[in-house]
Protein backbone atom coordinates (compact mmCIF):
# COMPACT_ATOMS: atom_id res chain seq x y z
CA MET A 1 0.00 0.00 0.00
CA THR A 2 1.39 3.41 -0.96
CA ALA A 3 1.64 6.37 1.41
CA THR A 4 -1.14 8.08 -0.55
CA ALA A 5 -3.41 5.06 -0.17
CA ARG A 6 -2.68 4.83 3.59
CA THR A 7 -3.46 8.52 4.01
CA SER A 8 -6.72 8.18 2.05
CA THR A 9 -7.78 5.17 4.14
CA ALA A 10 -6.92 6.95 7.38
CA ARG A 11 -8.92 10.00 6.38
CA SER A 12 -12.03 7.97 5.55
CA THR A 13 -11.97 5.74 8.65
CA GLY A 14 -14.12 6.63 11.63
CA TRP A 15 -17.19 8.75 12.19
CA PHE A 16 -17.60 12.24 10.78
CA PRO A 17 -20.23 14.83 11.79
CA VAL A 18 -21.68 16.18 8.55
CA ALA A 19 -24.82 18.21 9.33
CA ARG A 20 -27.21 19.16 12.06
CA ALA A 21 -30.17 16.79 12.11
CA THR A 22 -32.61 19.68 11.86
CA GLU A 23 -31.01 20.79 8.59
CA VAL A 24 -31.72 17.52 6.80
CA GLY A 25 -35.14 16.98 5.26
CA THR A 26 -36.38 15.71 1.91
CA THR A 27 -34.06 18.05 -0.01
CA PRO A 28 -30.54 16.60 -0.46
CA VAL A 29 -27.81 18.38 1.48
CA PRO A 30 -24.21 18.23 0.14
CA VAL A 31 -21.72 17.21 2.84
CA GLY A 32 -18.16 15.97 3.20
CA ALA A 33 -16.80 13.03 5.19
CA GLY A 34 -13.21 11.83 5.14
CA GLY A 35 -12.42 13.94 2.10
CA ARG A 36 -15.31 12.43 0.12
CA ALA A 37 -18.39 14.17 -1.24
CA TYR A 38 -21.87 12.92 -0.29
CA VAL A 39 -25.46 14.09 -0.02
CA VAL A 40 -27.68 13.31 2.96
CA VAL A 41 -31.47 13.28 2.76
CA ARG A 42 -34.63 11.83 4.31
CA LEU A 43 -36.49 9.77 1.73
CA ARG A 44 -39.77 10.47 3.53
CA PRO A 45 -40.68 13.28 5.96
CA GLY A 46 -39.41 12.32 9.40
CA ALA A 47 -37.67 9.16 8.16
CA GLU A 48 -34.13 8.09 8.96
CA VAL A 49 -31.37 9.86 7.10
CA SER A 50 -29.82 8.18 4.04
CA ALA A 51 -26.48 9.10 2.48
CA PHE A 52 -25.40 8.80 -1.14
CA PRO A 53 -22.32 9.65 -3.22
CA ALA A 54 -22.43 13.15 -4.62
CA ARG A 55 -22.92 12.25 -8.31
CA CYS A 56 -25.24 10.05 -10.33
CA PRO A 57 -23.16 7.40 -12.13
CA HIS A 58 -25.01 7.91 -15.41
CA ARG A 59 -24.02 11.44 -16.46
CA LEU A 60 -22.23 12.56 -13.26
CA VAL A 61 -24.97 15.05 -12.34
CA PRO A 62 -24.62 16.32 -8.73
CA LEU A 63 -27.29 14.62 -6.64
CA ALA A 64 -27.62 17.78 -4.55
CA ALA A 65 -30.06 18.75 -7.32
CA ALA A 66 -32.02 15.49 -6.98
CA SER A 67 -35.50 15.20 -5.51
CA VAL A 68 -37.34 12.67 -3.39
CA VAL A 69 -40.12 10.87 -5.27
CA GLY A 70 -42.05 7.96 -3.78
CA GLY A 71 -39.45 7.27 -1.12
CA ARG A 72 -36.63 7.18 -3.66
CA LEU A 73 -33.89 9.63 -4.62
CA GLN A 74 -34.51 10.75 -8.21
CA CYS A 75 -31.77 12.21 -10.42
CA PRO A 76 -32.95 15.47 -12.04
CA TYR A 77 -31.50 14.67 -15.47
CA HIS A 78 -32.93 11.29 -16.52
CA GLY A 79 -35.08 10.31 -13.55
CA TRP A 80 -32.96 7.38 -12.35
CA ARG A 81 -34.17 6.38 -8.89
CA PHE A 82 -32.22 4.97 -5.96
CA ASP A 83 -33.46 3.35 -2.73
CA ALA A 84 -32.01 3.90 0.73
CA GLU A 85 -29.32 1.24 0.14
CA GLY A 86 -28.20 2.95 -3.07
CA ARG A 87 -29.72 0.35 -5.40
CA CYS A 88 -30.87 1.75 -8.72
CA VAL A 89 -34.49 0.64 -8.86
CA ASP A 90 -35.63 2.48 -11.99
CA VAL A 91 -34.08 3.59 -15.29
CA PRO A 92 -37.11 5.17 -17.03
CA SER A 93 -35.63 5.21 -20.54
CA LEU A 94 -35.37 1.40 -20.47
CA GLY A 95 -39.12 1.00 -19.91
CA PRO A 96 -40.99 -0.93 -17.21
CA ASP A 97 -39.30 -4.21 -18.11
CA GLY A 98 -35.79 -2.76 -18.27
CA THR A 99 -33.12 -3.83 -15.81
CA ALA A 100 -30.59 -1.38 -14.41
CA PRO A 101 -26.99 -2.42 -15.04
CA PRO A 102 -25.02 -3.43 -11.91
CA ARG A 103 -22.81 -0.35 -12.07
CA ALA A 104 -25.92 1.81 -11.65
CA ASP A 105 -25.99 1.08 -7.90
CA LEU A 106 -24.50 3.81 -5.71
CA PRO A 107 -21.67 2.91 -3.31
CA VAL A 108 -23.21 4.33 -0.14
CA PRO A 109 -21.13 4.93 3.02
CA TRP A 110 -20.78 2.08 5.50
CA ALA A 111 -23.09 3.62 8.10
CA VAL A 112 -25.19 6.69 8.88
CA GLU A 113 -26.23 7.65 12.40
CA GLU A 114 -28.39 10.42 13.82
CA ARG A 115 -27.20 11.17 17.35
CA HIS A 116 -26.78 14.16 19.67
CA GLY A 117 -28.69 16.33 17.15
CA TRP A 118 -26.16 15.59 14.40
CA ILE A 119 -25.87 13.35 11.37
CA TRP A 120 -22.71 11.20 11.44
CA LEU A 121 -21.20 9.25 8.53
CA ALA A 122 -18.72 6.38 8.51
CA PRO A 123 -17.49 6.17 4.88
CA GLU A 124 -15.82 2.80 5.51
CA ARG A 125 -16.21 -0.02 7.99
CA THR A 126 -14.84 1.06 11.36
CA ASP A 127 -14.40 -0.36 14.86
CA VAL A 128 -14.66 3.11 16.35
CA THR A 129 -17.92 3.70 18.20
CA LEU A 130 -19.70 6.99 18.53
CA PRO A 131 -19.22 8.50 22.00
CA PRO A 132 -22.30 8.97 24.21
CA ALA A 133 -21.97 12.70 23.65
CA PRO A 134 -19.29 14.85 22.00
CA ALA A 135 -16.98 16.70 24.36
CA ALA A 136 -17.40 19.83 22.25
CA GLU A 137 -19.58 21.09 19.44
CA PRO A 138 -18.73 19.02 16.33
CA VAL A 139 -17.17 20.87 13.42
CA PRO A 140 -18.19 19.30 10.08
CA GLU A 141 -15.71 19.45 7.22
CA PRO A 142 -16.73 21.47 4.16
CA ALA A 143 -18.45 19.55 1.40
CA PRO A 144 -15.79 18.95 -1.26
CA ALA A 145 -16.56 19.31 -4.93
CA PRO A 146 -17.43 15.94 -6.49
CA GLY A 147 -14.32 14.37 -7.99
CA PRO A 148 -13.53 14.80 -11.70
CA PRO A 149 -13.66 11.91 -14.18
CA SER A 150 -10.55 9.73 -14.18
CA GLY A 151 -10.10 9.78 -17.96
CA PRO A 152 -9.75 12.53 -20.60
CA VAL A 153 -12.32 15.30 -20.72
CA PHE A 154 -13.11 17.34 -23.84
CA GLY A 155 -13.37 20.92 -22.63
CA ASN A 156 -13.76 24.32 -24.25
CA LEU A 157 -10.00 24.91 -24.41
CA ASP A 158 -9.02 21.59 -25.96
CA PRO A 159 -6.07 22.26 -28.31
CA SER A 160 -7.83 20.49 -31.20
CA LEU A 161 -10.47 23.22 -31.28
CA GLU A 162 -7.94 25.54 -32.90
CA HIS A 163 -8.49 23.51 -36.08
CA ALA A 164 -12.22 24.07 -36.55
CA TRP A 165 -14.65 26.66 -37.81
CA HIS A 166 -16.52 28.19 -34.88
CA PRO A 167 -19.61 30.41 -34.87
CA VAL A 168 -18.72 33.75 -33.28
CA ALA A 169 -21.66 36.04 -34.13
CA LEU A 170 -24.88 36.29 -36.05
CA SER A 171 -24.31 38.17 -39.30
CA ARG A 172 -26.77 40.84 -38.21
CA GLU A 173 -24.64 41.56 -35.13
CA LEU A 174 -21.79 42.83 -37.34
CA ARG A 175 -23.03 45.75 -39.41
CA PRO A 176 -21.21 47.18 -42.47
CA GLY A 177 -18.40 49.45 -41.31
CA GLY A 178 -18.81 48.17 -37.77
CA TRP A 179 -16.74 46.02 -35.44
CA LEU A 180 -17.42 43.47 -32.73
CA GLN A 181 -15.41 41.83 -29.95
CA VAL A 182 -15.94 38.12 -29.33
CA ARG A 183 -14.45 35.45 -27.08
CA LEU A 184 -13.24 32.17 -28.54
CA LEU A 185 -11.03 29.49 -26.96
CA GLY A 186 -10.06 31.75 -24.08
CA ARG A 187 -9.04 34.70 -26.27
CA THR A 188 -10.58 37.96 -27.42
CA TRP A 189 -10.93 38.61 -31.14
CA SER A 190 -12.03 41.81 -32.86
CA LEU A 191 -14.15 41.38 -35.98
CA SER A 192 -14.78 44.14 -38.49
CA ARG A 193 -16.79 44.35 -41.69
CA GLY A 194 -15.31 46.68 -44.27
CA ALA A 195 -15.20 47.16 -48.00
CA ASP A 196 -12.84 44.19 -48.31
CA GLY A 197 -15.07 41.87 -46.28
CA LEU A 198 -14.58 40.36 -42.86
CA VAL A 199 -11.34 40.84 -40.93
CA ALA A 200 -10.26 39.31 -37.62
CA ASP A 201 -7.71 40.75 -35.20
CA PRO A 202 -5.50 39.00 -34.21
CA PRO A 203 -5.28 37.40 -37.63
CA ALA A 204 -7.02 34.03 -37.98
CA TRP A 205 -6.70 31.32 -40.62
CA GLY A 206 -10.08 32.41 -41.94
CA VAL A 207 -13.34 34.29 -41.34
CA ARG A 208 -16.48 33.59 -43.33
CA GLU A 209 -20.28 33.73 -43.28
CA ARG A 210 -22.62 30.78 -43.58
CA PHE A 211 -26.31 30.32 -42.66
CA GLY A 212 -26.41 33.97 -41.50
CA VAL A 213 -23.59 33.32 -39.02
CA VAL A 214 -20.03 34.65 -38.86
CA TRP A 215 -17.48 31.83 -38.44
CA LEU A 216 -13.83 31.99 -37.40
CA ALA A 217 -11.12 29.34 -37.76
CA PRO A 218 -8.04 30.15 -35.62
CA ALA A 219 -5.85 27.62 -37.49
CA GLU A 220 -6.27 25.51 -40.60
CA PRO A 221 -9.58 23.70 -40.05
CA ARG A 222 -9.99 19.96 -40.32
CA ASP A 223 -13.67 19.74 -39.41
CA VAL A 224 -16.41 18.76 -41.85
CA PRO A 225 -19.07 21.47 -42.33
CA LEU A 226 -22.63 20.67 -41.34
CA GLU A 227 -25.09 20.83 -44.22
CA LEU A 228 -28.45 22.52 -43.80
CA PRO A 229 -30.73 21.61 -46.74
CA GLU A 230 -33.57 23.65 -45.27
CA ASP A 231 -31.54 26.86 -45.59
CA GLY A 232 -32.22 27.16 -49.33
CA ASP A 233 -35.68 25.56 -49.30
CA ARG A 234 -38.43 28.12 -49.96
CA ARG A 235 -40.94 25.99 -48.10
CA PHE A 236 -39.20 26.85 -44.80
CA VAL A 237 -39.46 29.98 -42.69
CA ARG A 238 -36.32 30.68 -40.66
CA ARG A 239 -36.03 32.49 -37.32
CA TRP A 240 -32.97 32.90 -35.13
CA LEU A 241 -33.39 32.97 -31.36
CA PRO A 242 -31.41 35.64 -29.50
CA PRO A 243 -28.00 34.10 -28.72
CA ALA A 244 -27.86 32.59 -25.24
CA ARG A 245 -24.98 31.71 -22.95
CA SER A 246 -24.24 28.70 -20.77
CA ALA A 247 -21.97 28.95 -17.74
CA GLY A 248 -20.33 25.68 -18.70
CA PRO A 249 -18.57 23.83 -21.54
CA ALA A 250 -20.07 23.03 -24.91
CA GLY A 251 -19.65 19.24 -24.84
CA PRO A 252 -22.22 18.43 -22.11
CA LEU A 253 -24.63 20.90 -23.71
CA ALA A 254 -24.34 19.18 -27.09
CA ASP A 255 -24.93 15.88 -25.29
CA THR A 256 -28.15 17.27 -23.84
CA PHE A 257 -29.40 18.46 -27.24
CA LEU A 258 -28.94 14.93 -28.62
CA ASP A 259 -30.59 13.25 -25.66
CA ALA A 260 -34.28 12.32 -25.75
CA ALA A 261 -34.37 10.55 -22.38
CA HIS A 262 -34.04 13.74 -20.34
CA SER A 263 -37.13 15.41 -21.78
CA PRO A 264 -39.77 14.12 -19.30
CA PHE A 265 -37.67 15.28 -16.34
CA VAL A 266 -36.14 18.55 -17.59
CA HIS A 267 -38.98 19.63 -19.93
CA PRO A 268 -42.23 18.67 -18.19
CA SER A 269 -44.31 20.88 -20.49
CA ALA A 270 -43.02 19.01 -23.55
CA ALA A 271 -42.71 15.57 -22.01
CA GLY A 272 -43.23 12.61 -24.27
CA ALA A 273 -42.92 8.93 -23.56
CA VAL A 274 -40.54 8.08 -20.72
CA GLU A 275 -39.29 4.94 -22.47
CA VAL A 276 -36.88 5.77 -25.29
CA PRO A 277 -36.48 3.53 -28.35
CA THR A 278 -32.92 2.46 -29.03
CA PRO A 279 -31.56 4.80 -31.73
CA GLU A 280 -29.53 3.54 -34.65
CA VAL A 281 -26.41 5.58 -35.38
CA THR A 282 -24.67 5.94 -38.75
CA PRO A 283 -21.05 7.13 -38.60
CA GLU A 284 -20.30 9.81 -41.20
CA PRO A 285 -17.26 11.93 -42.07
CA GLY A 286 -16.84 14.43 -39.27
CA GLY A 287 -19.64 13.06 -37.11
CA PHE A 288 -22.74 10.91 -37.39
CA SER A 289 -26.46 10.84 -38.08
CA SER A 290 -29.47 8.99 -36.75
CA VAL A 291 -32.94 8.55 -38.26
CA GLN A 292 -35.88 7.10 -36.33
CA GLU A 293 -39.54 6.68 -37.25
CA HIS A 294 -42.28 6.41 -34.63
CA GLY A 295 -46.02 6.18 -34.34
CA GLU A 296 -48.89 5.16 -36.58
CA ARG A 297 -51.29 7.05 -38.83
CA PRO A 298 -52.22 9.84 -38.48
CA ALA A 299 -49.30 10.63 -36.15
CA ARG A 300 -46.32 9.04 -37.86
CA ARG A 301 -43.11 11.01 -37.49
CA ARG A 302 -39.47 10.84 -38.42
CA VAL A 303 -36.76 12.26 -36.15
CA THR A 304 -33.34 12.99 -37.65
CA HIS A 305 -30.20 13.98 -35.75
CA VAL A 306 -27.01 15.09 -37.51
CA HIS A 307 -23.78 16.03 -35.75
CA ARG A 308 -20.54 17.46 -37.07
CA ALA A 309 -17.58 17.87 -34.73
CA PRO A 310 -17.00 19.74 -32.72
CA PHE A 311 -20.32 21.42 -31.88
CA GLN A 312 -22.70 21.65 -34.87
CA LEU A 313 -26.07 19.91 -34.53
CA ARG A 314 -29.19 19.64 -36.69
CA LEU A 315 -32.42 18.13 -35.34
CA ARG A 316 -35.36 17.62 -37.69
CA LEU A 317 -38.90 16.40 -37.01
CA ASP A 318 -41.00 15.36 -40.01
CA LEU A 319 -44.72 14.66 -39.65
CA LEU A 320 -45.03 11.96 -42.27
CA ASP A 321 -48.78 12.18 -42.82
CA THR A 322 -48.90 15.97 -43.42
CA GLY A 323 -45.42 16.74 -44.73
CA ALA A 324 -44.91 19.42 -42.08
CA ALA A 325 -41.36 19.69 -40.76
CA THR A 326 -39.49 21.50 -38.00
CA THR A 327 -35.71 21.77 -37.93
CA VAL A 328 -33.65 23.18 -35.07
CA LEU A 329 -30.04 24.14 -35.71
CA PHE A 330 -27.68 24.39 -32.72
CA LEU A 331 -24.23 25.98 -33.10
CA LEU A 332 -22.00 26.28 -30.02
CA GLN A 333 -19.18 28.78 -29.52
CA PRO A 334 -16.62 27.68 -26.87
CA GLU A 335 -15.76 31.10 -25.44
CA ASP A 336 -13.86 30.19 -22.27
CA ALA A 337 -13.41 27.12 -20.10
CA ASP A 338 -16.68 27.93 -18.32
CA SER A 339 -18.62 29.80 -20.98
CA THR A 340 -20.39 28.76 -24.17
CA ARG A 341 -22.47 30.94 -26.49
CA ILE A 342 -25.42 29.18 -28.15
CA TYR A 343 -26.89 30.04 -31.54
CA THR A 344 -30.29 28.45 -32.21
CA CYS A 345 -32.28 28.65 -35.42
CA VAL A 346 -35.80 27.30 -35.92
CA LEU A 347 -36.89 26.44 -39.49
CA LEU A 348 -40.56 25.63 -40.10
CA SER A 349 -42.47 24.18 -43.05
CA ALA A 350 -46.18 23.36 -43.30
CA GLY A 351 -45.46 20.82 -46.04
CA PRO A 352 -45.51 20.64 -49.86
CA GLY A 353 -48.20 22.78 -51.45
CA GLU A 354 -49.12 24.43 -48.14
CA PRO A 355 -48.82 28.14 -47.31
CA LEU A 356 -45.79 29.16 -45.31
CA PRO A 357 -46.26 29.13 -41.52
CA GLY A 358 -47.72 32.43 -40.36
CA PRO A 359 -46.21 34.88 -37.86
CA ASP A 360 -48.19 33.52 -34.93
CA GLU A 361 -47.13 29.95 -35.64
CA VAL A 362 -43.50 30.97 -35.99
CA ALA A 363 -43.61 33.05 -32.80
CA ALA A 364 -45.10 30.12 -30.89
CA ALA A 365 -42.39 27.77 -32.15
CA VAL A 366 -39.65 30.22 -31.22
CA ALA A 367 -41.14 30.79 -27.76
CA ALA A 368 -41.35 27.04 -27.18
CA GLU A 369 -37.71 26.58 -28.20
CA GLU A 370 -36.63 29.43 -25.94
CA ARG A 371 -38.40 27.77 -23.02
CA LEU A 372 -36.76 24.40 -23.70
CA LEU A 373 -33.34 26.02 -24.04
CA ALA A 374 -33.76 27.89 -20.75
CA GLU A 375 -34.62 24.62 -19.01
CA ASP A 376 -31.57 22.90 -20.49
CA LEU A 377 -29.34 25.78 -19.42
CA GLY A 378 -30.78 25.57 -15.91
CA LEU A 379 -29.70 21.93 -15.78
CA GLN A 380 -26.23 22.76 -17.12
CA ALA A 381 -25.75 25.34 -14.38
CA GLN A 382 -26.14 22.55 -11.79
CA MET A 383 -23.74 20.09 -13.42
CA ALA A 384 -20.43 21.75 -12.42
CA SER A 385 -18.80 20.11 -15.43
CA THR A 386 -15.39 20.86 -16.94
CA GLY A 387 -16.22 19.13 -20.21
CA LEU A 388 -17.49 15.93 -21.75
CA PRO A 389 -15.83 12.74 -20.41
CA LEU A 390 -14.42 10.72 -23.29
CA ALA A 391 -13.51 7.52 -21.40
CA MET A 392 -16.52 5.20 -21.51
CA ARG A 393 -15.72 3.89 -18.01
CA ASP A 394 -16.23 7.32 -16.42
CA GLU A 395 -19.98 7.30 -17.06
CA LEU A 396 -22.61 4.60 -17.21
CA HIS A 397 -24.23 4.19 -20.64
CA VAL A 398 -27.49 2.42 -21.44
CA ARG A 399 -28.99 1.65 -24.84
CA SER A 400 -30.89 4.96 -25.02
CA ASP A 401 -27.52 6.76 -24.82
CA ARG A 402 -26.22 5.71 -28.24
CA LEU A 403 -26.25 9.25 -29.62
CA GLY A 404 -24.31 10.46 -26.59
CA VAL A 405 -21.80 7.65 -27.01
CA ALA A 406 -21.45 8.57 -30.71
CA LEU A 407 -20.81 12.19 -29.70
CA ARG A 408 -18.03 11.14 -27.33
CA ARG A 409 -16.42 9.01 -30.01
CA ALA A 410 -16.66 11.76 -32.61
CA LEU A 411 -15.01 14.27 -30.28
CA ALA A 412 -12.33 11.75 -29.29
CA ASP A 413 -11.57 11.19 -32.99
CA PHE A 414 -11.48 14.93 -33.62
CA ALA A 415 -9.12 15.49 -30.68
CA VAL A 416 -6.52 13.07 -32.02
CA ALA A 417 -6.89 13.74 -35.76
């Protein structure tokens, strides 16, 4: 055993006061014990206190944001539920007959005690007994931040991002004769639009416009551009949302946009079926695509996802019985390690031979997308993520996560290209 291992074991052995008993109810409380991060919570009002590791094993979401539902701890992202012993008793995306994988169970601390008005944790088996009463007021250790993934993480400052085209502004934000300052990959760039076109300072490999967006490539790009067939299709009406910003990296946000299983728990107003069909993924140059068809007449629909590394996404919903279609384009600008600007465009079509969608219909679609985006950004703010883990062992994947797995592989390939 190494000195580091002996120190870690010594720190986690024994009993640790973590919170006053009166502070712990049915809302998880983040605490620390022996240098480890936990949450403590009562799974029913007045019940005994249970303790859990600080993160859900699925997508590493802090369980301090979890809720208590039916005597279980429910993760806010995908609704995974855990009983008092840490067993994962429900993975909603797998359906009622689905079985949680063994790694879904949470490694709870060895023991939890409520005594002398305090909650005490023993992270590991110990022969030390709690005293009848503490000689002095206990001093709990601060709750540490949940530990980072053990493998590589694709963050907003990954060196490979130098070799890609990045959205940096909507075209309308940079007027003729004007200039604009933007952040990209931890640096400030000045953009100007003059008689000779677009200019970046400091000089970049290239600046261009596409889809009504200004793009900048710091170094020679090796990414594959995303195609947007709807952009030149007269049957579609296009509206850009005001650019938004996430206080976190782009990778986890792209993962959320590709993920259908989170919708019933993060977007209750737009919730669909909890069980998620297993998507088929087709690898493509620079990324991947996925096409799924669901439902029966008169509600058949086709859902298409297309990704191009690093952070270009196209989601399209086709109503097969009417020909109506909705496409949402997501473009992510990695500004700094903890900041991402989001460009979202909604493109609507009522179908072949039909009039273009009217202003009210377009406004309603834009408002709905703004609401969904705000809910996703609220989740991202709770995740405390430094980027997207690329090592498959660092997260727990189920069959509904195939698009997320494809995203991780595409970014891993891009990082080493």
